[in-house]
Amino acid sequence: EAHHLQGSEEVGIWERNIHREVKAVLEADFTATFRTPDIDFDYGFDQAVKDGYICDLNITACVLMGNASQRLATLANLVRKNEDEWAPMFVMFNKIRRAEQFATHLRGLGVSAQAVDGRA
């Protein structure tokens, strides 16, 4: 991430920190916030996603009612119903056991799913 430093009261501090810490023979400063129409290079979001440099990510948080089993079933059915439109997707749980149960439930509905955790 980069920002324009021109016009900022902290230009001197940032300028010194950035250029002291980033050692390079050639240097380019980039920003996503243009202050002038004079742009030397334009590399848009859609092209960066297409090229695989960034990820087009949409996060949806939902609250499901009922007991744990009912909530997992409701969510699994929702994923199955919208699989074609939403795939690929990443569903996150705060407990490994719930993620494993959810993956098992999805596989039972014919949806390819894998529970992944941070353990080696």
PDB file of N, CA and C in Angstrom:
ATOM      1  N   GLU A   1       0.844  -1.167   0.000  1.00  0.00           N
ATOM      2  CA  GLU A   1       0.000   0.000   0.000  1.00  0.00           C
ATOM      3  C   GLU A   1       0.888   1.227   0.000  1.00  0.00           C
ATOM      4  N   ALA A   2       0.506   2.231  -0.741  1.00  0.00           N
ATOM      5  CA  ALA A   2       1.286   3.461  -0.811  1.00  0.00           C
ATOM      6  C   ALA A   2       0.332   4.647  -0.858  1.00  0.00           C
ATOM      7  N   HIS A   3       0.813   5.767  -0.389  1.00  0.00           N
ATOM      8  CA  HIS A   3      -0.005   6.976  -0.358  1.00  0.00           C
ATOM      9  C   HIS A   3       0.820   8.167  -0.815  1.00  0.00           C
ATOM     10  N   HIS A   4       0.121   9.193  -1.312  1.00  0.00           N
ATOM     11  CA  HIS A   4       0.800  10.437  -1.655  1.00  0.00           C
ATOM     12  C   HIS A   4       1.349  11.077  -0.389  1.00  0.00           C
ATOM     13  N   LEU A   5       2.568  11.563  -0.485  1.00  0.00           N
ATOM     14  CA  LEU A   5       3.151  12.259   0.653  1.00  0.00           C
ATOM     15  C   LEU A   5       3.133  13.769   0.439  1.00  0.00           C
ATOM     16  N   GLN A   6       2.936  14.223  -0.802  1.00  0.00           N
ATOM     17  CA  GLN A   6       2.941  15.650  -1.052  1.00  0.00           C
ATOM     18  C   GLN A   6       1.822  16.335  -0.285  1.00  0.00           C
ATOM     19  N   GLY A   7       2.124  17.453   0.293  1.00  0.00           N
ATOM     20  CA  GLY A   7       1.112  18.221   0.988  1.00  0.00           C
ATOM     21  C   GLY A   7       0.868  17.779   2.416  1.00  0.00           C
ATOM     22  N   SER A   8       1.483  16.715   2.819  1.00  0.00           N
ATOM     23  CA  SER A   8       1.305  16.235   4.185  1.00  0.00           C
ATOM     24  C   SER A   8       2.288  16.947   5.101  1.00  0.00           C
ATOM     25  N   GLU A   9       1.853  17.208   6.336  1.00  0.00           N
ATOM     26  CA  GLU A   9       2.738  17.839   7.310  1.00  0.00           C
ATOM     27  C   GLU A   9       3.860  16.899   7.721  1.00  0.00           C
ATOM     28  N   GLU A  10       3.639  15.596   7.511  1.00  0.00           N
ATOM     29  CA  GLU A  10       4.633  14.614   7.920  1.00  0.00           C
ATOM     30  C   GLU A  10       5.489  14.131   6.753  1.00  0.00           C
ATOM     31  N   VAL A  11       5.520  14.894   5.657  1.00  0.00           N
ATOM     32  CA  VAL A  11       6.270  14.474   4.478  1.00  0.00           C
ATOM     33  C   VAL A  11       7.713  14.158   4.829  1.00  0.00           C
ATOM     34  N   GLY A  12       8.353  15.029   5.555  1.00  0.00           N
ATOM     35  CA  GLY A  12       9.759  14.829   5.892  1.00  0.00           C
ATOM     36  C   GLY A  12       9.995  13.537   6.648  1.00  0.00           C
ATOM     37  N   ILE A  13       9.168  13.253   7.638  1.00  0.00           N
ATOM     38  CA  ILE A  13       9.310  12.038   8.443  1.00  0.00           C
ATOM     39  C   ILE A  13       9.102  10.807   7.575  1.00  0.00           C
ATOM     40  N   TRP A  14       7.993  10.768   6.824  1.00  0.00           N
ATOM     41  CA  TRP A  14       7.700   9.614   5.974  1.00  0.00           C
ATOM     42  C   TRP A  14       8.737   9.459   4.882  1.00  0.00           C
ATOM     43  N   GLU A  15       9.093  10.546   4.256  1.00  0.00           N
ATOM     44  CA  GLU A  15      10.077  10.507   3.175  1.00  0.00           C
ATOM     45  C   GLU A  15      11.387   9.913   3.672  1.00  0.00           C
ATOM     46  N   ARG A  16      11.857  10.374   4.814  1.00  0.00           N
ATOM     47  CA  ARG A  16      13.108   9.834   5.377  1.00  0.00           C
ATOM     48  C   ARG A  16      12.957   8.359   5.725  1.00  0.00           C
ATOM     49  N   ASN A  17      11.859   7.975   6.360  1.00  0.00           N
ATOM     50  CA  ASN A  17      11.657   6.580   6.749  1.00  0.00           C
ATOM     51  C   ASN A  17      11.554   5.657   5.541  1.00  0.00           C
ATOM     52  N   ILE A  18      10.760   6.047   4.576  1.00  0.00           N
ATOM     53  CA  ILE A  18      10.573   5.208   3.400  1.00  0.00           C
ATOM     54  C   ILE A  18      11.891   5.036   2.649  1.00  0.00           C
ATOM     55  N   HIS A  19      12.579   6.122   2.394  1.00  0.00           N
ATOM     56  CA  HIS A  19      13.783   6.035   1.580  1.00  0.00           C
ATOM     57  C   HIS A  19      14.990   5.520   2.357  1.00  0.00           C
ATOM     58  N   ARG A  20      14.966   5.576   3.660  1.00  0.00           N
ATOM     59  CA  ARG A  20      16.053   4.991   4.459  1.00  0.00           C
ATOM     60  C   ARG A  20      15.862   3.482   4.559  1.00  0.00           C
ATOM     61  N   GLU A  21      14.627   3.029   4.675  1.00  0.00           N
ATOM     62  CA  GLU A  21      14.343   1.603   4.869  1.00  0.00           C
ATOM     63  C   GLU A  21      14.299   0.822   3.569  1.00  0.00           C
ATOM     64  N   VAL A  22      13.897   1.452   2.498  1.00  0.00           N
ATOM     65  CA  VAL A  22      13.773   0.758   1.220  1.00  0.00           C
ATOM     66  C   VAL A  22      15.012   1.062   0.396  1.00  0.00           C
ATOM     67  N   LYS A  23      15.904   0.075   0.305  1.00  0.00           N
ATOM     68  CA  LYS A  23      17.147   0.238  -0.442  1.00  0.00           C
ATOM     69  C   LYS A  23      16.922  -0.283  -1.862  1.00  0.00           C
ATOM     70  N   ALA A  24      17.161   0.561  -2.856  1.00  0.00           N
ATOM     71  CA  ALA A  24      16.994   0.150  -4.238  1.00  0.00           C
ATOM     72  C   ALA A  24      17.823   1.039  -5.142  1.00  0.00           C
ATOM     73  N   VAL A  25      18.286   0.456  -6.246  1.00  0.00           N
ATOM     74  CA  VAL A  25      19.006   1.225  -7.250  1.00  0.00           C
ATOM     75  C   VAL A  25      18.013   2.101  -8.010  1.00  0.00           C
ATOM     76  N   LEU A  26      16.866   1.521  -8.339  1.00  0.00           N
ATOM     77  CA  LEU A  26      15.798   2.258  -8.995  1.00  0.00           C
ATOM     78  C   LEU A  26      14.614   2.331  -8.049  1.00  0.00           C
ATOM     79  N   GLU A  27      13.868   3.377  -8.136  1.00  0.00           N
ATOM     80  CA  GLU A  27      12.765   3.570  -7.205  1.00  0.00           C
ATOM     81  C   GLU A  27      11.553   4.116  -7.947  1.00  0.00           C
ATOM     82  N   ALA A  28      10.386   3.669  -7.542  1.00  0.00           N
ATOM     83  CA  ALA A  28       9.135   4.213  -8.068  1.00  0.00           C
ATOM     84  C   ALA A  28       8.181   4.362  -6.899  1.00  0.00           C
ATOM     85  N   ASP A  29       7.508   5.470  -6.828  1.00  0.00           N
ATOM     86  CA  ASP A  29       6.517   5.699  -5.787  1.00  0.00           C
ATOM     87  C   ASP A  29       5.135   5.559  -6.425  1.00  0.00           C
ATOM     88  N   PHE A  30       4.258   4.783  -5.770  1.00  0.00           N
ATOM     89  CA  PHE A  30       2.937   4.507  -6.307  1.00  0.00           C
ATOM     90  C   PHE A  30       1.859   4.972  -5.348  1.00  0.00           C
ATOM     91  N   THR A  31       0.676   5.182  -5.895  1.00  0.00           N
ATOM     92  CA  THR A  31      -0.463   5.543  -5.067  1.00  0.00           C
ATOM     93  C   THR A  31      -1.758   5.088  -5.727  1.00  0.00           C
ATOM     94  N   ALA A  32      -2.761   4.922  -4.929  1.00  0.00           N
ATOM     95  CA  ALA A  32      -4.091   4.605  -5.453  1.00  0.00           C
ATOM     96  C   ALA A  32      -5.000   5.823  -5.338  1.00  0.00           C
ATOM     97  N   THR A  33      -4.458   6.918  -4.838  1.00  0.00           N
ATOM     98  CA  THR A  33      -5.245   8.142  -4.659  1.00  0.00           C
ATOM     99  C   THR A  33      -4.609   9.246  -5.486  1.00  0.00           C
ATOM    100  N   PHE A  34      -5.165   9.483  -6.665  1.00  0.00           N
ATOM    101  CA  PHE A  34      -4.598  10.464  -7.582  1.00  0.00           C
ATOM    102  C   PHE A  34      -5.056  11.864  -7.233  1.00  0.00           C
ATOM    103  N   ARG A  35      -4.127  12.782  -7.233  1.00  0.00           N
ATOM    104  CA  ARG A  35      -4.471  14.180  -6.960  1.00  0.00           C
ATOM    105  C   ARG A  35      -4.404  15.034  -8.214  1.00  0.00           C
ATOM    106  N   THR A  36      -3.852  14.476  -9.287  1.00  0.00           N
ATOM    107  CA  THR A  36      -3.785  15.201 -10.559  1.00  0.00           C
ATOM    108  C   THR A  36      -4.208  14.246 -11.670  1.00  0.00           C
ATOM    109  N   PRO A  37      -4.671  14.792 -12.779  1.00  0.00           N
ATOM    110  CA  PRO A  37      -5.047  13.924 -13.893  1.00  0.00           C
ATOM    111  C   PRO A  37      -3.829  13.438 -14.687  1.00  0.00           C
ATOM    112  N   ASP A  38      -2.635  13.901 -14.332  1.00  0.00           N
ATOM    113  CA  ASP A  38      -1.406  13.540 -15.034  1.00  0.00           C
ATOM    114  C   ASP A  38      -0.874  12.215 -14.494  1.00  0.00           C
ATOM    115  N   ILE A  39      -1.331  11.100 -15.090  1.00  0.00           N
ATOM    116  CA  ILE A  39      -0.962   9.771 -14.630  1.00  0.00           C
ATOM    117  C   ILE A  39      -0.033   9.141 -15.650  1.00  0.00           C
ATOM    118  N   ASP A  40       1.121   8.674 -15.182  1.00  0.00           N
ATOM    119  CA  ASP A  40       2.102   8.061 -16.072  1.00  0.00           C
ATOM    120  C   ASP A  40       1.763   6.613 -16.398  1.00  0.00           C
ATOM    121  N   PHE A  41       1.146   5.901 -15.478  1.00  0.00           N
ATOM    122  CA  PHE A  41       0.876   4.482 -15.662  1.00  0.00           C
ATOM    123  C   PHE A  41      -0.413   4.136 -14.942  1.00  0.00           C
ATOM    124  N   ASP A  42      -1.257   3.355 -15.597  1.00  0.00           N
ATOM    125  CA  ASP A  42      -2.534   2.964 -15.018  1.00  0.00           C
ATOM    126  C   ASP A  42      -2.641   1.445 -15.053  1.00  0.00           C
ATOM    127  N   TYR A  43      -2.742   0.845 -13.891  1.00  0.00           N
ATOM    128  CA  TYR A  43      -2.903  -0.612 -13.764  1.00  0.00           C
ATOM    129  C   TYR A  43      -4.087  -0.824 -12.847  1.00  0.00           C
ATOM    130  N   GLY A  44      -5.226  -1.127 -13.434  1.00  0.00           N
ATOM    131  CA  GLY A  44      -6.482  -1.166 -12.700  1.00  0.00           C
ATOM    132  C   GLY A  44      -6.691  -2.418 -11.872  1.00  0.00           C
ATOM    133  N   PHE A  45      -7.654  -2.326 -10.987  1.00  0.00           N
ATOM    134  CA  PHE A  45      -8.014  -3.418 -10.083  1.00  0.00           C
ATOM    135  C   PHE A  45      -8.378  -4.684 -10.863  1.00  0.00           C
ATOM    136  N   ASP A  46      -9.250  -4.551 -11.858  1.00  0.00           N
ATOM    137  CA  ASP A  46      -9.696  -5.714 -12.621  1.00  0.00           C
ATOM    138  C   ASP A  46      -8.535  -6.422 -13.304  1.00  0.00           C
ATOM    139  N   GLN A  47      -7.600  -5.653 -13.845  1.00  0.00           N
ATOM    140  CA  GLN A  47      -6.448  -6.250 -14.512  1.00  0.00           C
ATOM    141  C   GLN A  47      -5.541  -6.947 -13.501  1.00  0.00           C
ATOM    142  N   ALA A  48      -5.362  -6.356 -12.330  1.00  0.00           N
ATOM    143  CA  ALA A  48      -4.526  -6.968 -11.291  1.00  0.00           C
ATOM    144  C   ALA A  48      -5.136  -8.279 -10.799  1.00  0.00           C
ATOM    145  N   VAL A  49      -6.469  -8.340 -10.688  1.00  0.00           N
ATOM    146  CA  VAL A  49      -7.139  -9.588 -10.313  1.00  0.00           C
ATOM    147  C   VAL A  49      -6.931 -10.620 -11.414  1.00  0.00           C
ATOM    148  N   LYS A  50      -7.152 -10.209 -12.653  1.00  0.00           N
ATOM    149  CA  LYS A  50      -6.996 -11.114 -13.803  1.00  0.00           C
ATOM    150  C   LYS A  50      -5.574 -11.669 -13.877  1.00  0.00           C
ATOM    151  N   ASP A  51      -4.591 -10.835 -13.588  1.00  0.00           N
ATOM    152  CA  ASP A  51      -3.184 -11.241 -13.643  1.00  0.00           C
ATOM    153  C   ASP A  51      -2.750 -12.042 -12.423  1.00  0.00           C
ATOM    154  N   GLY A  52      -3.623 -12.117 -11.402  1.00  0.00           N
ATOM    155  CA  GLY A  52      -3.328 -12.919 -10.220  1.00  0.00           C
ATOM    156  C   GLY A  52      -2.485 -12.225  -9.164  1.00  0.00           C
ATOM    157  N   TYR A  53      -2.340 -10.896  -9.254  1.00  0.00           N
ATOM    158  CA  TYR A  53      -1.543 -10.177  -8.264  1.00  0.00           C
ATOM    159  C   TYR A  53      -2.327  -9.834  -7.005  1.00  0.00           C
ATOM    160  N   ILE A  54      -3.630  -9.679  -7.126  1.00  0.00           N
ATOM    161  CA  ILE A  54      -4.484  -9.410  -5.974  1.00  0.00           C
ATOM    162  C   ILE A  54      -5.716 -10.294  -6.056  1.00  0.00           C
ATOM    163  N   CYS A  55      -6.438 -10.361  -4.973  1.00  0.00           N
ATOM    164  CA  CYS A  55      -7.602 -11.223  -4.886  1.00  0.00           C
ATOM    165  C   CYS A  55      -8.860 -10.369  -4.765  1.00  0.00           C
ATOM    166  N   ASP A  56      -9.829 -10.679  -5.582  1.00  0.00           N
ATOM    167  CA  ASP A  56     -11.120 -10.017  -5.489  1.00  0.00           C
ATOM    168  C   ASP A  56     -11.897 -10.741  -4.390  1.00  0.00           C
ATOM    169  N   LEU A  57     -12.024 -10.104  -3.257  1.00  0.00           N
ATOM    170  CA  LEU A  57     -12.571 -10.762  -2.080  1.00  0.00           C
ATOM    171  C   LEU A  57     -13.820 -10.039  -1.593  1.00  0.00           C
ATOM    172  N   ASN A  58     -14.837 -10.807  -1.326  1.00  0.00           N
ATOM    173  CA  ASN A  58     -16.074 -10.263  -0.778  1.00  0.00           C
ATOM    174  C   ASN A  58     -16.355 -10.999   0.524  1.00  0.00           C
ATOM    175  N   ILE A  59     -16.524 -10.272   1.594  1.00  0.00           N
ATOM    176  CA  ILE A  59     -16.791 -10.886   2.893  1.00  0.00           C
ATOM    177  C   ILE A  59     -18.238 -10.624   3.276  1.00  0.00           C
ATOM    178  N   THR A  60     -18.937 -11.691   3.633  1.00  0.00           N
ATOM    179  CA  THR A  60     -20.312 -11.582   4.099  1.00  0.00           C
ATOM    180  C   THR A  60     -20.400 -12.217   5.472  1.00  0.00           C
ATOM    181  N   ALA A  61     -20.867 -11.485   6.429  1.00  0.00           N
ATOM    182  CA  ALA A  61     -21.061 -12.018   7.782  1.00  0.00           C
ATOM    183  C   ALA A  61     -22.561 -12.201   7.987  1.00  0.00           C
ATOM    184  N   CYS A  62     -22.943 -13.358   8.489  1.00  0.00           N
ATOM    185  CA  CYS A  62     -24.370 -13.600   8.706  1.00  0.00           C
ATOM    186  C   CYS A  62     -24.589 -14.219  10.083  1.00  0.00           C
ATOM    187  N   VAL A  63     -25.741 -13.967  10.627  1.00  0.00           N
ATOM    188  CA  VAL A  63     -26.130 -14.532  11.914  1.00  0.00           C
ATOM    189  C   VAL A  63     -27.207 -15.569  11.644  1.00  0.00           C
ATOM    190  N   LEU A  64     -26.956 -16.779  12.104  1.00  0.00           N
ATOM    191  CA  LEU A  64     -27.914 -17.870  11.902  1.00  0.00           C
ATOM    192  C   LEU A  64     -28.522 -18.254  13.242  1.00  0.00           C
ATOM    193  N   MET A  65     -29.796 -18.540  13.241  1.00  0.00           N
ATOM    194  CA  MET A  65     -30.507 -18.878  14.473  1.00  0.00           C
ATOM    195  C   MET A  65     -30.590 -20.393  14.650  1.00  0.00           C
ATOM    196  N   GLY A  66     -30.908 -20.834  15.867  1.00  0.00           N
ATOM    197  CA  GLY A  66     -31.080 -22.248  16.154  1.00  0.00           C
ATOM    198  C   GLY A  66     -29.869 -22.826  16.858  1.00  0.00           C
ATOM    199  N   ASN A  67     -29.912 -24.129  17.125  1.00  0.00           N
ATOM    200  CA  ASN A  67     -28.779 -24.767  17.785  1.00  0.00           C
ATOM    201  C   ASN A  67     -27.644 -24.960  16.773  1.00  0.00           C
ATOM    202  N   ALA A  68     -26.483 -25.413  17.250  1.00  0.00           N
ATOM    203  CA  ALA A  68     -25.300 -25.526  16.402  1.00  0.00           C
ATOM    204  C   ALA A  68     -25.551 -26.413  15.184  1.00  0.00           C
ATOM    205  N   SER A  69     -26.208 -27.523  15.381  1.00  0.00           N
ATOM    206  CA  SER A  69     -26.481 -28.448  14.282  1.00  0.00           C
ATOM    207  C   SER A  69     -27.381 -27.802  13.230  1.00  0.00           C
ATOM    208  N   GLN A  70     -28.410 -27.095  13.680  1.00  0.00           N
ATOM    209  CA  GLN A  70     -29.321 -26.409  12.750  1.00  0.00           C
ATOM    210  C   GLN A  70     -28.591 -25.308  11.980  1.00  0.00           C
ATOM    211  N   ARG A  71     -27.712 -24.567  12.679  1.00  0.00           N
ATOM    212  CA  ARG A  71     -26.973 -23.492  12.027  1.00  0.00           C
ATOM    213  C   ARG A  71     -26.053 -24.046  10.939  1.00  0.00           C
ATOM    214  N   LEU A  72     -25.354 -25.141  11.237  1.00  0.00           N
ATOM    215  CA  LEU A  72     -24.476 -25.751  10.236  1.00  0.00           C
ATOM    216  C   LEU A  72     -25.280 -26.241   9.035  1.00  0.00           C
ATOM    217  N   ALA A  73     -26.415 -26.860   9.292  1.00  0.00           N
ATOM    218  CA  ALA A  73     -27.258 -27.362   8.206  1.00  0.00           C
ATOM    219  C   ALA A  73     -27.780 -26.214   7.354  1.00  0.00           C
ATOM    220  N   THR A  74     -28.218 -25.134   7.989  1.00  0.00           N
ATOM    221  CA  THR A  74     -28.725 -23.964   7.263  1.00  0.00           C
ATOM    222  C   THR A  74     -27.641 -23.370   6.383  1.00  0.00           C
ATOM    223  N   LEU A  75     -26.454 -23.198   6.952  1.00  0.00           N
ATOM    224  CA  LEU A  75     -25.348 -22.619   6.194  1.00  0.00           C
ATOM    225  C   LEU A  75     -24.921 -23.543   5.055  1.00  0.00           C
ATOM    226  N   ALA A  76     -24.848 -24.838   5.315  1.00  0.00           N
ATOM    227  CA  ALA A  76     -24.467 -25.797   4.274  1.00  0.00           C
ATOM    228  C   ALA A  76     -25.465 -25.778   3.123  1.00  0.00           C
ATOM    229  N   ASN A  77     -26.746 -25.732   3.441  1.00  0.00           N
ATOM    230  CA  ASN A  77     -27.767 -25.671   2.399  1.00  0.00           C
ATOM    231  C   ASN A  77     -27.671 -24.375   1.597  1.00  0.00           C
ATOM    232  N   LEU A  78     -27.361 -23.281   2.272  1.00  0.00           N
ATOM    233  CA  LEU A  78     -27.188 -21.993   1.600  1.00  0.00           C
ATOM    234  C   LEU A  78     -25.998 -22.044   0.642  1.00  0.00           C
ATOM    235  N   VAL A  79     -24.892 -22.629   1.099  1.00  0.00           N
ATOM    236  CA  VAL A  79     -23.707 -22.773   0.241  1.00  0.00           C
ATOM    237  C   VAL A  79     -24.036 -23.660  -0.961  1.00  0.00           C
ATOM    238  N   ARG A  80     -24.688 -24.782  -0.716  1.00  0.00           N
ATOM    239  CA  ARG A  80     -25.040 -25.699  -1.808  1.00  0.00           C
ATOM    240  C   ARG A  80     -25.932 -25.020  -2.830  1.00  0.00           C
ATOM    241  N   LYS A  81     -26.910 -24.282  -2.352  1.00  0.00           N
ATOM    242  CA  LYS A  81     -27.853 -23.599  -3.239  1.00  0.00           C
ATOM    243  C   LYS A  81     -27.158 -22.553  -4.117  1.00  0.00           C
ATOM    244  N   ASN A  82     -26.121 -21.892  -3.590  1.00  0.00           N
ATOM    245  CA  ASN A  82     -25.456 -20.797  -4.296  1.00  0.00           C
ATOM    246  C   ASN A  82     -24.055 -21.152  -4.783  1.00  0.00           C
ATOM    247  N   GLU A  83     -23.728 -22.427  -4.762  1.00  0.00           N
ATOM    248  CA  GLU A  83     -22.377 -22.874  -5.096  1.00  0.00           C
ATOM    249  C   GLU A  83     -21.890 -22.365  -6.455  1.00  0.00           C
ATOM    250  N   ASP A  84     -22.716 -22.430  -7.469  1.00  0.00           N
ATOM    251  CA  ASP A  84     -22.296 -22.007  -8.809  1.00  0.00           C
ATOM    252  C   ASP A  84     -21.932 -20.522  -8.852  1.00  0.00           C
ATOM    253  N   GLU A  85     -22.691 -19.707  -8.144  1.00  0.00           N
ATOM    254  CA  GLU A  85     -22.440 -18.267  -8.139  1.00  0.00           C
ATOM    255  C   GLU A  85     -21.306 -17.882  -7.199  1.00  0.00           C
ATOM    256  N   TRP A  86     -21.180 -18.543  -6.063  1.00  0.00           N
ATOM    257  CA  TRP A  86     -20.221 -18.141  -5.032  1.00  0.00           C
ATOM    258  C   TRP A  86     -18.849 -18.781  -5.171  1.00  0.00           C
ATOM    259  N   ALA A  87     -18.752 -19.930  -5.821  1.00  0.00           N
ATOM    260  CA  ALA A  87     -17.479 -20.661  -5.869  1.00  0.00           C
ATOM    261  C   ALA A  87     -16.442 -19.901  -6.691  1.00  0.00           C
ATOM    262  N   PRO A  88     -15.177 -19.984  -6.313  1.00  0.00           N
ATOM    263  CA  PRO A  88     -14.686 -20.630  -5.094  1.00  0.00           C
ATOM    264  C   PRO A  88     -14.983 -19.758  -3.881  1.00  0.00           C
ATOM    265  N   MET A  89     -15.037 -20.365  -2.720  1.00  0.00           N
ATOM    266  CA  MET A  89     -15.335 -19.595  -1.514  1.00  0.00           C
ATOM    267  C   MET A  89     -14.528 -20.109  -0.335  1.00  0.00           C
ATOM    268  N   PHE A  90     -14.447 -19.281   0.684  1.00  0.00           N
ATOM    269  CA  PHE A  90     -13.733 -19.584   1.919  1.00  0.00           C
ATOM    270  C   PHE A  90     -14.693 -19.290   3.055  1.00  0.00           C
ATOM    271  N   VAL A  91     -14.986 -20.296   3.866  1.00  0.00           N
ATOM    272  CA  VAL A  91     -15.880 -20.127   5.008  1.00  0.00           C
ATOM    273  C   VAL A  91     -15.030 -20.332   6.257  1.00  0.00           C
ATOM    274  N   MET A  92     -15.121 -19.403   7.178  1.00  0.00           N
ATOM    275  CA  MET A  92     -14.261 -19.441   8.359  1.00  0.00           C
ATOM    276  C   MET A  92     -15.085 -19.656   9.625  1.00  0.00           C
ATOM    277  N   PHE A  93     -14.568 -20.513  10.498  1.00  0.00           N
ATOM    278  CA  PHE A  93     -15.186 -20.780  11.797  1.00  0.00           C
ATOM    279  C   PHE A  93     -14.178 -20.456  12.893  1.00  0.00           C
ATOM    280  N   ASN A  94     -14.679 -20.175  14.085  1.00  0.00           N
ATOM    281  CA  ASN A  94     -13.781 -19.884  15.202  1.00  0.00           C
ATOM    282  C   ASN A  94     -13.352 -21.146  15.950  1.00  0.00           C
ATOM    283  N   LYS A  95     -13.851 -22.287  15.555  1.00  0.00           N
ATOM    284  CA  LYS A  95     -13.467 -23.552  16.181  1.00  0.00           C
ATOM    285  C   LYS A  95     -13.170 -24.585  15.106  1.00  0.00           C
ATOM    286  N   ILE A  96     -12.038 -25.279  15.249  1.00  0.00           N
ATOM    287  CA  ILE A  96     -11.624 -26.279  14.277  1.00  0.00           C
ATOM    288  C   ILE A  96     -12.677 -27.376  14.153  1.00  0.00           C
ATOM    289  N   ARG A  97     -13.218 -27.817  15.276  1.00  0.00           N
ATOM    290  CA  ARG A  97     -14.224 -28.876  15.269  1.00  0.00           C
ATOM    291  C   ARG A  97     -15.432 -28.493  14.412  1.00  0.00           C
ATOM    292  N   ARG A  98     -15.874 -27.247  14.510  1.00  0.00           N
ATOM    293  CA  ARG A  98     -17.027 -26.794  13.712  1.00  0.00           C
ATOM    294  C   ARG A  98     -16.671 -26.768  12.220  1.00  0.00           C
ATOM    295  N   ALA A  99     -15.460 -26.348  11.898  1.00  0.00           N
ATOM    296  CA  ALA A  99     -15.040 -26.333  10.499  1.00  0.00           C
ATOM    297  C   ALA A  99     -15.027 -27.750   9.933  1.00  0.00           C
ATOM    298  N   GLU A 100     -14.541 -28.687  10.726  1.00  0.00           N
ATOM    299  CA  GLU A 100     -14.522 -30.088  10.284  1.00  0.00           C
ATOM    300  C   GLU A 100     -15.935 -30.630  10.109  1.00  0.00           C
ATOM    301  N   GLN A 101     -16.836 -30.297  11.037  1.00  0.00           N
ATOM    302  CA  GLN A 101     -18.230 -30.736  10.926  1.00  0.00           C
ATOM    303  C   GLN A 101     -18.891 -30.139   9.683  1.00  0.00           C
ATOM    304  N   PHE A 102     -18.605 -28.865   9.442  1.00  0.00           N
ATOM    305  CA  PHE A 102     -19.198 -28.183   8.290  1.00  0.00           C
ATOM    306  C   PHE A 102     -18.712 -28.801   6.981  1.00  0.00           C
ATOM    307  N   ALA A 103     -17.410 -29.061   6.893  1.00  0.00           N
ATOM    308  CA  ALA A 103     -16.869 -29.688   5.682  1.00  0.00           C
ATOM    309  C   ALA A 103     -17.507 -31.055   5.450  1.00  0.00           C
ATOM    310  N   THR A 104     -17.669 -31.818   6.514  1.00  0.00           N
ATOM    311  CA  THR A 104     -18.315 -33.125   6.412  1.00  0.00           C
ATOM    312  C   THR A 104     -19.751 -32.978   5.925  1.00  0.00           C
ATOM    313  N   HIS A 105     -20.460 -31.989   6.467  1.00  0.00           N
ATOM    314  CA  HIS A 105     -21.848 -31.739   6.067  1.00  0.00           C
ATOM    315  C   HIS A 105     -21.915 -31.360   4.590  1.00  0.00           C
ATOM    316  N   LEU A 106     -21.012 -30.481   4.143  1.00  0.00           N
ATOM    317  CA  LEU A 106     -21.009 -30.082   2.734  1.00  0.00           C
ATOM    318  C   LEU A 106     -20.734 -31.264   1.817  1.00  0.00           C
ATOM    319  N   ARG A 107     -19.750 -32.070   2.190  1.00  0.00           N
ATOM    320  CA  ARG A 107     -19.444 -33.246   1.362  1.00  0.00           C
ATOM    321  C   ARG A 107     -20.656 -34.166   1.267  1.00  0.00           C
ATOM    322  N   GLY A 108     -21.438 -34.259   2.354  1.00  0.00           N
ATOM    323  CA  GLY A 108     -22.664 -35.058   2.338  1.00  0.00           C
ATOM    324  C   GLY A 108     -23.695 -34.522   1.363  1.00  0.00           C
ATOM    325  N   LEU A 109     -23.620 -33.222   1.060  1.00  0.00           N
ATOM    326  CA  LEU A 109     -24.528 -32.597   0.092  1.00  0.00           C
ATOM    327  C   LEU A 109     -23.947 -32.610  -1.321  1.00  0.00           C
ATOM    328  N   GLY A 110     -22.763 -33.206  -1.462  1.00  0.00           N
ATOM    329  CA  GLY A 110     -22.133 -33.265  -2.778  1.00  0.00           C
ATOM    330  C   GLY A 110     -21.274 -32.074  -3.126  1.00  0.00           C
ATOM    331  N   VAL A 111     -20.963 -31.241  -2.123  1.00  0.00           N
ATOM    332  CA  VAL A 111     -20.122 -30.062  -2.343  1.00  0.00           C
ATOM    333  C   VAL A 111     -18.697 -30.415  -1.918  1.00  0.00           C
ATOM    334  N   SER A 112     -17.744 -30.191  -2.789  1.00  0.00           N
ATOM    335  CA  SER A 112     -16.346 -30.439  -2.458  1.00  0.00           C
ATOM    336  C   SER A 112     -15.924 -29.467  -1.355  1.00  0.00           C
ATOM    337  N   ALA A 113     -15.424 -30.013  -0.234  1.00  0.00           N
ATOM    338  CA  ALA A 113     -15.067 -29.157   0.900  1.00  0.00           C
ATOM    339  C   ALA A 113     -13.933 -29.799   1.695  1.00  0.00           C
ATOM    340  N   GLN A 114     -13.112 -28.952   2.285  1.00  0.00           N
ATOM    341  CA  GLN A 114     -12.002 -29.412   3.106  1.00  0.00           C
ATOM    342  C   GLN A 114     -11.844 -28.459   4.294  1.00  0.00           C
ATOM    343  N   ALA A 115     -11.743 -29.000   5.491  1.00  0.00           N
ATOM    344  CA  ALA A 115     -11.458 -28.188   6.670  1.00  0.00           C
ATOM    345  C   ALA A 115      -9.936 -28.026   6.763  1.00  0.00           C
ATOM    346  N   VAL A 116      -9.485 -26.813   6.922  1.00  0.00           N
ATOM    347  CA  VAL A 116      -8.050 -26.516   7.019  1.00  0.00           C
ATOM    348  C   VAL A 116      -7.826 -25.731   8.305  1.00  0.00           C
ATOM    349  N   ASP A 117      -6.786 -26.109   9.049  1.00  0.00           N
ATOM    350  CA  ASP A 117      -6.452 -25.331  10.238  1.00  0.00           C
ATOM    351  C   ASP A 117      -4.977 -24.952  10.203  1.00  0.00           C
ATOM    352  N   GLY A 118      -4.559 -24.169  11.147  1.00  0.00           N
ATOM    353  CA  GLY A 118      -3.196 -23.659  11.173  1.00  0.00           C
ATOM    354  C   GLY A 118      -2.175 -24.577  11.788  1.00  0.00           C
ATOM    355  N   ARG A 119      -2.569 -25.770  12.171  1.00  0.00           N
ATOM    356  CA  ARG A 119      -1.625 -26.710  12.767  1.00  0.00           C
ATOM    357  C   ARG A 119      -0.746 -27.326  11.678  1.00  0.00           C
ATOM    358  N   ALA A 120       0.500 -27.569  12.021  1.00  0.00           N
ATOM    359  CA  ALA A 120       1.439 -28.169  11.059  1.00  0.00           C
ATOM    360  C   ALA A 120       1.202 -29.653  10.918  1.00  0.00           C
TER     361      ALA A 120
END
